[in-house]
Protein backbone atom coordinates (compact mmCIF):
# COMPACT_ATOMS: atom_id res chain seq x y z
CA MET A 1 96.59 146.20 147.33
CA GLY A 2 94.62 146.91 150.48
CA ALA A 3 92.23 144.58 152.24
CA GLN A 4 91.35 142.49 149.19
CA HIS A 5 94.92 142.26 147.84
CA PRO A 6 97.34 142.86 150.72
CA SER A 7 100.45 142.13 148.67
CA GLY A 8 99.36 144.27 145.72
CA ARG A 9 101.33 147.20 144.39
CA VAL A 10 100.27 150.83 144.14
CA HIS A 11 100.83 150.85 140.37
CA GLN A 12 98.52 147.81 140.06
CA LEU A 13 95.80 149.66 141.95
CA SER A 14 96.22 152.77 139.82
CA ARG A 15 95.88 150.65 136.67
CA MET A 16 92.78 148.90 138.04
CA MET A 17 91.21 152.28 138.78
CA ASP A 18 92.39 153.77 135.47
CA LEU A 19 94.26 156.56 137.28
CA SER A 20 97.84 157.70 137.11
CA SER A 21 99.91 156.86 140.17
CA ARG A 22 100.11 160.56 140.98
CA GLN A 23 96.33 161.00 140.74
CA LEU A 24 95.80 157.99 142.99
CA GLN A 25 98.25 159.50 145.49
CA ARG A 26 96.38 162.83 145.46
CA ARG A 27 93.00 161.16 145.92
CA PHE A 28 94.27 159.08 148.84
CA ASN A 29 95.79 162.15 150.45
CA THR A 30 92.50 164.00 150.10
CA ALA A 31 90.36 161.13 151.39
CA VAL A 32 92.46 159.67 154.23
CA ARG A 33 95.32 162.18 154.70
CA TYR A 34 98.07 159.76 153.69
CA GLY A 35 99.07 157.80 150.63
CA PRO A 36 98.05 154.34 149.45
CA LYS A 37 101.29 152.68 150.59
CA THR A 38 100.83 153.97 154.14
CA PHE A 39 97.23 152.77 154.03
CA GLN A 40 98.46 149.32 153.00
CA ARG A 41 100.99 149.30 155.87
CA ILE A 42 98.21 150.18 158.33
CA LEU A 43 96.04 147.34 157.03
CA HIS A 44 99.01 145.02 157.45
CA LEU A 45 99.45 146.16 161.05
CA GLN A 46 95.76 145.55 161.68
CA ARG A 47 96.20 141.95 160.51
CA VAL A 48 99.02 141.55 163.04
CA LEU A 49 96.84 142.94 165.83
CA ALA A 50 93.87 140.78 164.88
CA LEU A 51 95.96 137.61 164.72
CA ALA A 52 97.79 138.42 167.95
CA ARG A 53 94.41 138.66 169.63
CA LYS A 54 93.93 134.96 168.82
CA THR A 55 96.65 133.72 171.16
CA GLN A 56 96.27 130.08 170.14
CA VAL A 57 97.51 130.92 166.64
CA CYS A 58 100.98 132.23 167.48
CA ASN A 59 101.39 131.61 171.22
CA GLY A 60 103.21 134.92 171.64
CA LYS A 61 105.99 134.00 169.21
CA LEU A 62 106.82 137.08 167.16
CA SER A 63 108.57 135.12 164.43
CA LEU A 64 105.45 133.00 163.85
CA LEU A 65 103.23 136.07 163.96
CA ALA A 66 105.42 137.75 161.33
CA LEU A 67 105.29 134.69 159.11
CA GLU A 68 101.53 134.27 159.44
CA THR A 69 100.83 137.91 158.58
CA GLY A 70 103.05 138.10 155.51
CA TYR A 71 106.12 139.96 156.71
CA ALA A 72 109.47 138.86 155.33
CA ASP A 73 110.69 138.06 158.84
CA GLN A 74 110.39 139.12 162.48
CA ALA A 75 112.84 142.01 162.02
CA HIS A 76 110.73 143.42 159.17
CA MET A 77 107.58 143.23 161.29
CA THR A 78 109.38 144.84 164.24
CA ARG A 79 110.59 147.77 162.10
CA GLU A 80 107.14 148.35 160.64
CA ILE A 81 105.42 148.25 164.03
CA GLN A 82 108.03 150.62 165.44
CA ARG A 83 107.52 153.06 162.55
CA LEU A 84 103.72 152.96 162.64
CA ALA A 85 103.00 152.59 166.35
CA GLY A 86 106.12 154.12 167.87
CA GLN A 87 106.78 151.13 170.10
CA GLN A 88 108.19 147.64 170.06
CA PRO A 89 105.86 144.76 169.13
CA THR A 90 105.92 143.27 172.62
CA ALA A 91 104.73 146.56 174.12
CA LEU A 92 102.03 147.05 171.50
CA LEU A 93 100.84 143.45 171.59
CA SER A 94 100.62 143.44 175.39
CA LYS A 95 97.67 145.79 175.02
CA VAL A 96 96.25 144.41 171.77
CA ASP A 97 92.60 144.57 172.87
CA THR A 98 92.87 148.29 173.61
CA THR A 99 94.75 148.94 170.38
CA LEU A 100 92.16 147.08 168.31
CA GLY A 101 89.40 149.07 169.94
CA MET A 102 91.10 152.31 168.96
CA SER A 103 91.53 151.11 165.38
CA ASP A 104 87.80 150.99 164.61
CA LEU A 105 88.28 154.11 162.53
CA PHE A 106 90.40 152.11 160.10
CA LYS A 107 88.10 149.10 159.75
CA THR A 108 87.47 147.85 156.24
CA ALA A 109 84.61 145.82 154.82
CA THR A 110 86.62 142.59 155.15
CA ASP A 111 87.55 143.08 158.84
């Protein structure tokens, strides 16, 4: 789960850290003000933004962007972006450089 294991599960992380799922949840809430699953969703969104910045990779095609960043499909990516960013992917991605600049707070060691 997270930057090193983006498709990992919360229970896998809690086992790796030798914590109960509830303890992991409490520690995440204390440290970053939201739970581990939300953190994972934010990291996923950051991958979308970073890849979208490289226009030659997806050429503005949302379905290809969704596929390349590990979403089940374009609709899944659209729902997640809407939930996290409060706007449609096309609106968010039209200002991807600004959005990435604002996301420096969420950078991880592998970014």
